[in-house]
Amino acid sequence: MLNLLRALTISATILVGCQGNNKNNPVNQNKAEDRVSQIQLIDLNNKAMRLDEYKGKTIFINFWASWCKPCVEEMPSIEKAQAMINDKEVVFLLASSESIEEIREFKNNHSYQFTYVHVKSPEILNLQALPTTFIINSKGKLVFSEMGTRNWNESSNINLIKSITKQHE
């Protein structure tokens, strides 16, 4: 009975982690700068990408997995937000730790117009749940970090992204 209880507790923790809605987590700036510097991305052509390539732009990074139902359910709202913002100063990246082949297969099976990337060593980022979204301002500082899903095409969320884009810290 004790083993069954442990198994149920672990299963519930995993499910909540994937589906969790921990909103409005404040960003600890000391840890945030470390997290941004540790993000290692690879494009689908197996070429290393550096976030400083986007210096001067706002970067929206959504960490997801193809097996994470809430991640996939959130994608239409991200795509709509991307289209609504349609700003060359905002870069939308969808980052998964799955293999490049798995990401490419997901991309081929869905019509989303995203820039998909592979994230190396996600454990360094200490992501507690999927999906997790980071928004990095034009100065390269992590100013928004949230676990869980969000309806990104709602006006309040569009305004959030636009307000971060307009920040001149």
C-alpha atoms as a PDB file:
ATOM      1  CA  MET A   1       0.000   0.000   0.000  1.00  0.00           C
ATOM      2  CA  LEU A   2       2.848   2.381   0.848  1.00  0.00           C
ATOM      3  CA  ASN A   3       4.464   1.752  -2.556  1.00  0.00           C
ATOM      4  CA  LEU A   4       1.175   2.449  -4.294  1.00  0.00           C
ATOM      5  CA  LEU A   5       0.835   5.723  -2.394  1.00  0.00           C
ATOM      6  CA  ARG A   6       4.393   6.717  -3.347  1.00  0.00           C
ATOM      7  CA  ALA A   7       3.745   5.868  -6.999  1.00  0.00           C
ATOM      8  CA  LEU A   8       0.572   7.962  -7.024  1.00  0.00           C
ATOM      9  CA  THR A   9       2.358  10.874  -5.379  1.00  0.00           C
ATOM     10  CA  ILE A  10       5.195  10.758  -7.904  1.00  0.00           C
ATOM     11  CA  SER A  11       2.734  10.490 -10.809  1.00  0.00           C
ATOM     12  CA  ALA A  12       0.729  13.441  -9.522  1.00  0.00           C
ATOM     13  CA  THR A  13       3.899  15.503  -9.148  1.00  0.00           C
ATOM     14  CA  ILE A  14       4.947  14.773 -12.722  1.00  0.00           C
ATOM     15  CA  LEU A  15       1.506  15.636 -14.099  1.00  0.00           C
ATOM     16  CA  VAL A  16       1.250  18.838 -12.121  1.00  0.00           C
ATOM     17  CA  GLY A  17       4.737  19.778 -13.267  1.00  0.00           C
ATOM     18  CA  CYS A  18       3.756  19.499 -16.903  1.00  0.00           C
ATOM     19  CA  GLN A  19       0.371  21.143 -16.406  1.00  0.00           C
ATOM     20  CA  GLY A  20       1.234  23.498 -13.572  1.00  0.00           C
ATOM     21  CA  ASN A  21       0.112  27.080 -13.653  1.00  0.00           C
ATOM     22  CA  ASN A  22       2.584  28.881 -11.420  1.00  0.00           C
ATOM     23  CA  LYS A  23       1.779  32.398 -12.579  1.00  0.00           C
ATOM     24  CA  ASN A  24       3.511  35.643 -11.900  1.00  0.00           C
ATOM     25  CA  ASN A  25       6.742  34.243 -10.549  1.00  0.00           C
ATOM     26  CA  PRO A  26       9.024  37.185  -9.869  1.00  0.00           C
ATOM     27  CA  VAL A  27      12.345  37.034 -11.642  1.00  0.00           C
ATOM     28  CA  ASN A  28      15.339  36.978  -9.297  1.00  0.00           C
ATOM     29  CA  GLN A  29      17.711  39.146 -11.350  1.00  0.00           C
ATOM     30  CA  ASN A  30      20.942  37.566 -10.054  1.00  0.00           C
ATOM     31  CA  LYS A  31      19.797  34.077 -10.968  1.00  0.00           C
ATOM     32  CA  ALA A  32      18.099  35.353 -14.140  1.00  0.00           C
ATOM     33  CA  GLU A  33      21.338  36.646 -15.654  1.00  0.00           C
ATOM     34  CA  ASP A  34      23.002  33.300 -14.982  1.00  0.00           C
ATOM     35  CA  ARG A  35      20.091  31.453 -16.571  1.00  0.00           C
ATOM     36  CA  VAL A  36      20.196  33.570 -19.732  1.00  0.00           C
ATOM     37  CA  SER A  37      23.941  33.106 -20.138  1.00  0.00           C
ATOM     38  CA  GLN A  38      23.517  29.344 -19.790  1.00  0.00           C
ATOM     39  CA  ILE A  39      20.896  28.914 -22.510  1.00  0.00           C
ATOM     40  CA  GLN A  40      22.496  26.872 -25.278  1.00  0.00           C
ATOM     41  CA  LEU A  41      20.441  26.489 -28.439  1.00  0.00           C
ATOM     42  CA  ILE A  42      20.930  24.539 -31.655  1.00  0.00           C
ATOM     43  CA  ASP A  43      18.866  25.165 -34.775  1.00  0.00           C
ATOM     44  CA  LEU A  44      17.296  22.347 -36.753  1.00  0.00           C
ATOM     45  CA  ASN A  45      20.320  22.303 -39.071  1.00  0.00           C
ATOM     46  CA  ASN A  46      22.459  21.365 -36.053  1.00  0.00           C
ATOM     47  CA  LYS A  47      24.098  24.794 -35.937  1.00  0.00           C
ATOM     48  CA  ALA A  48      24.784  26.423 -32.558  1.00  0.00           C
ATOM     49  CA  MET A  49      22.835  29.604 -31.912  1.00  0.00           C
ATOM     50  CA  ARG A  50      23.721  32.356 -29.482  1.00  0.00           C
ATOM     51  CA  LEU A  51      21.132  34.569 -27.862  1.00  0.00           C
ATOM     52  CA  ASP A  52      23.375  37.578 -28.289  1.00  0.00           C
ATOM     53  CA  GLU A  53      22.680  37.223 -32.034  1.00  0.00           C
ATOM     54  CA  TYR A  54      19.336  38.796 -31.106  1.00  0.00           C
ATOM     55  CA  LYS A  55      20.783  41.655 -29.050  1.00  0.00           C
ATOM     56  CA  GLY A  56      18.506  44.674 -29.329  1.00  0.00           C
ATOM     57  CA  LYS A  57      15.439  42.460 -29.762  1.00  0.00           C
ATOM     58  CA  THR A  58      12.979  41.000 -27.301  1.00  0.00           C
ATOM     59  CA  ILE A  59      13.255  37.219 -27.163  1.00  0.00           C
ATOM     60  CA  PHE A  60      10.231  35.079 -26.295  1.00  0.00           C
ATOM     61  CA  ILE A  61      11.397  31.523 -25.528  1.00  0.00           C
ATOM     62  CA  ASN A  62       8.846  28.833 -24.823  1.00  0.00           C
ATOM     63  CA  PHE A  63      10.306  25.592 -23.458  1.00  0.00           C
ATOM     64  CA  TRP A  64       8.104  22.675 -24.474  1.00  0.00           C
ATOM     65  CA  ALA A  65       8.017  18.976 -25.361  1.00  0.00           C
ATOM     66  CA  SER A  66       5.975  17.081 -27.925  1.00  0.00           C
ATOM     67  CA  TRP A  67       4.733  14.678 -25.219  1.00  0.00           C
ATOM     68  CA  CYS A  68       3.503  17.540 -23.007  1.00  0.00           C
ATOM     69  CA  LYS A  69      -0.184  18.025 -23.778  1.00  0.00           C
ATOM     70  CA  PRO A  70      -0.417  21.515 -22.199  1.00  0.00           C
ATOM     71  CA  CYS A  71       2.627  22.582 -24.240  1.00  0.00           C
ATOM     72  CA  VAL A  72       1.000  21.558 -27.495  1.00  0.00           C
ATOM     73  CA  GLU A  73      -2.356  23.055 -26.444  1.00  0.00           C
ATOM     74  CA  GLU A  74      -0.636  26.399 -25.783  1.00  0.00           C
ATOM     75  CA  MET A  75       0.969  26.602 -29.231  1.00  0.00           C
ATOM     76  CA  PRO A  76      -1.997  28.055 -31.168  1.00  0.00           C
ATOM     77  CA  SER A  77      -2.112  31.022 -28.799  1.00  0.00           C
ATOM     78  CA  ILE A  78       1.638  31.571 -29.192  1.00  0.00           C
ATOM     79  CA  GLU A  79       1.288  31.466 -32.967  1.00  0.00           C
ATOM     80  CA  LYS A  80      -1.579  33.976 -32.832  1.00  0.00           C
ATOM     81  CA  ALA A  81       0.417  36.250 -30.518  1.00  0.00           C
ATOM     82  CA  GLN A  82       3.361  36.064 -32.899  1.00  0.00           C
ATOM     83  CA  ALA A  83       1.098  37.088 -35.789  1.00  0.00           C
ATOM     84  CA  MET A  84      -0.621  39.831 -33.771  1.00  0.00           C
ATOM     85  CA  ILE A  85       2.668  41.359 -32.652  1.00  0.00           C
ATOM     86  CA  ASN A  86       4.308  40.914 -36.070  1.00  0.00           C
ATOM     87  CA  ASP A  87       7.242  43.006 -34.926  1.00  0.00           C
ATOM     88  CA  LYS A  88      10.768  42.476 -36.188  1.00  0.00           C
ATOM     89  CA  GLU A  89      11.961  43.511 -32.727  1.00  0.00           C
ATOM     90  CA  VAL A  90      10.408  40.390 -31.135  1.00  0.00           C
ATOM     91  CA  VAL A  91      11.822  36.919 -31.775  1.00  0.00           C
ATOM     92  CA  PHE A  92       9.718  33.860 -30.895  1.00  0.00           C
ATOM     93  CA  LEU A  93      11.663  30.658 -30.234  1.00  0.00           C
ATOM     94  CA  LEU A  94      10.205  27.284 -29.270  1.00  0.00           C
ATOM     95  CA  ALA A  95      12.877  25.283 -27.480  1.00  0.00           C
ATOM     96  CA  SER A  96      12.732  21.574 -26.726  1.00  0.00           C
ATOM     97  CA  SER A  97      15.307  19.239 -25.235  1.00  0.00           C
ATOM     98  CA  GLU A  98      14.057  16.459 -27.490  1.00  0.00           C
ATOM     99  CA  SER A  99      16.333  15.401 -30.332  1.00  0.00           C
ATOM    100  CA  ILE A 100      16.543  17.552 -33.427  1.00  0.00           C
ATOM    101  CA  GLU A 101      14.926  14.708 -35.365  1.00  0.00           C
ATOM    102  CA  GLU A 102      11.969  14.618 -32.944  1.00  0.00           C
ATOM    103  CA  ILE A 103      11.562  18.398 -33.131  1.00  0.00           C
ATOM    104  CA  ARG A 104      11.772  18.291 -36.926  1.00  0.00           C
ATOM    105  CA  GLU A 105       9.148  15.512 -37.012  1.00  0.00           C
ATOM    106  CA  PHE A 106       6.825  17.586 -34.804  1.00  0.00           C
ATOM    107  CA  LYS A 107       7.377  20.611 -37.056  1.00  0.00           C
ATOM    108  CA  ASN A 108       6.596  18.553 -40.168  1.00  0.00           C
ATOM    109  CA  ASN A 109       3.362  17.263 -38.603  1.00  0.00           C
ATOM    110  CA  HIS A 110       2.096  20.715 -37.574  1.00  0.00           C
ATOM    111  CA  SER A 111       1.600  23.889 -39.548  1.00  0.00           C
ATOM    112  CA  TYR A 112       2.907  26.328 -36.938  1.00  0.00           C
ATOM    113  CA  GLN A 113       5.180  29.053 -38.218  1.00  0.00           C
ATOM    114  CA  PHE A 114       7.710  28.897 -35.397  1.00  0.00           C
ATOM    115  CA  THR A 115      11.447  28.979 -35.121  1.00  0.00           C
ATOM    116  CA  TYR A 116      12.019  25.640 -33.426  1.00  0.00           C
ATOM    117  CA  VAL A 117      15.290  25.040 -31.621  1.00  0.00           C
ATOM    118  CA  HIS A 118      16.898  22.336 -29.532  1.00  0.00           C
ATOM    119  CA  VAL A 119      17.996  23.363 -26.043  1.00  0.00           C
ATOM    120  CA  LYS A 120      21.178  21.699 -24.794  1.00  0.00           C
ATOM    121  CA  SER A 121      21.495  20.812 -21.125  1.00  0.00           C
ATOM    122  CA  PRO A 122      18.073  22.032 -19.966  1.00  0.00           C
ATOM    123  CA  GLU A 123      18.867  20.801 -16.457  1.00  0.00           C
ATOM    124  CA  ILE A 124      21.264  23.748 -16.098  1.00  0.00           C
ATOM    125  CA  LEU A 125      18.274  26.078 -16.505  1.00  0.00           C
ATOM    126  CA  ASN A 126      16.494  24.376 -13.597  1.00  0.00           C
ATOM    127  CA  LEU A 127      13.157  24.310 -15.407  1.00  0.00           C
ATOM    128  CA  GLN A 128      10.639  22.954 -12.928  1.00  0.00           C
ATOM    129  CA  ALA A 129       7.775  22.353 -15.371  1.00  0.00           C
ATOM    130  CA  LEU A 130       6.765  22.448 -19.004  1.00  0.00           C
ATOM    131  CA  PRO A 131       5.769  24.623 -20.603  1.00  0.00           C
ATOM    132  CA  THR A 132       7.954  27.390 -19.243  1.00  0.00           C
ATOM    133  CA  THR A 133       8.252  30.755 -20.941  1.00  0.00           C
ATOM    134  CA  PHE A 134      11.092  33.241 -20.672  1.00  0.00           C
ATOM    135  CA  ILE A 135      10.975  36.750 -22.084  1.00  0.00           C
ATOM    136  CA  ILE A 136      14.346  38.429 -22.420  1.00  0.00           C
ATOM    137  CA  ASN A 137      14.424  42.160 -23.042  1.00  0.00           C
ATOM    138  CA  SER A 138      16.470  43.948 -25.698  1.00  0.00           C
ATOM    139  CA  LYS A 139      19.377  44.354 -23.243  1.00  0.00           C
ATOM    140  CA  GLY A 140      19.622  40.574 -22.779  1.00  0.00           C
ATOM    141  CA  LYS A 141      18.050  40.479 -19.315  1.00  0.00           C
ATOM    142  CA  LEU A 142      15.474  37.891 -18.309  1.00  0.00           C
ATOM    143  CA  VAL A 143      12.495  40.002 -17.248  1.00  0.00           C
ATOM    144  CA  PHE A 144       9.723  37.395 -17.361  1.00  0.00           C
ATOM    145  CA  SER A 145       9.746  33.735 -16.351  1.00  0.00           C
ATOM    146  CA  GLU A 146       6.654  31.624 -15.909  1.00  0.00           C
ATOM    147  CA  MET A 147       5.817  27.960 -15.604  1.00  0.00           C
ATOM    148  CA  GLY A 148       2.535  26.695 -16.996  1.00  0.00           C
ATOM    149  CA  THR A 149       0.274  27.605 -19.851  1.00  0.00           C
ATOM    150  CA  ARG A 150      -1.093  30.983 -20.767  1.00  0.00           C
ATOM    151  CA  ASN A 151      -3.398  32.215 -23.508  1.00  0.00           C
ATOM    152  CA  TRP A 152      -0.753  34.334 -25.218  1.00  0.00           C
ATOM    153  CA  ASN A 153      -3.092  35.963 -27.724  1.00  0.00           C
ATOM    154  CA  GLU A 154      -5.214  37.638 -25.021  1.00  0.00           C
ATOM    155  CA  SER A 155      -4.835  41.403 -25.100  1.00  0.00           C
ATOM    156  CA  SER A 156      -3.253  41.550 -21.625  1.00  0.00           C
ATOM    157  CA  ASN A 157      -0.533  39.131 -22.736  1.00  0.00           C
ATOM    158  CA  ILE A 158       0.044  40.942 -26.030  1.00  0.00           C
ATOM    159  CA  ASN A 159       0.403  44.140 -24.001  1.00  0.00           C
ATOM    160  CA  LEU A 160       2.846  42.383 -21.656  1.00  0.00           C
ATOM    161  CA  ILE A 161       5.119  41.399 -24.554  1.00  0.00           C
ATOM    162  CA  LYS A 162       4.828  44.852 -26.159  1.00  0.00           C
ATOM    163  CA  SER A 163       5.607  46.595 -22.867  1.00  0.00           C
ATOM    164  CA  ILE A 164       8.762  44.517 -22.461  1.00  0.00           C
ATOM    165  CA  THR A 165       9.709  45.377 -26.045  1.00  0.00           C
ATOM    166  CA  LYS A 166       9.366  49.078 -25.271  1.00  0.00           C
ATOM    167  CA  GLN A 167      11.539  48.922 -22.136  1.00  0.00           C
ATOM    168  CA  HIS A 168      14.758  50.857 -22.494  1.00  0.00           C
ATOM    169  CA  GLU A 169      16.635  49.834 -19.342  1.00  0.00           C
END
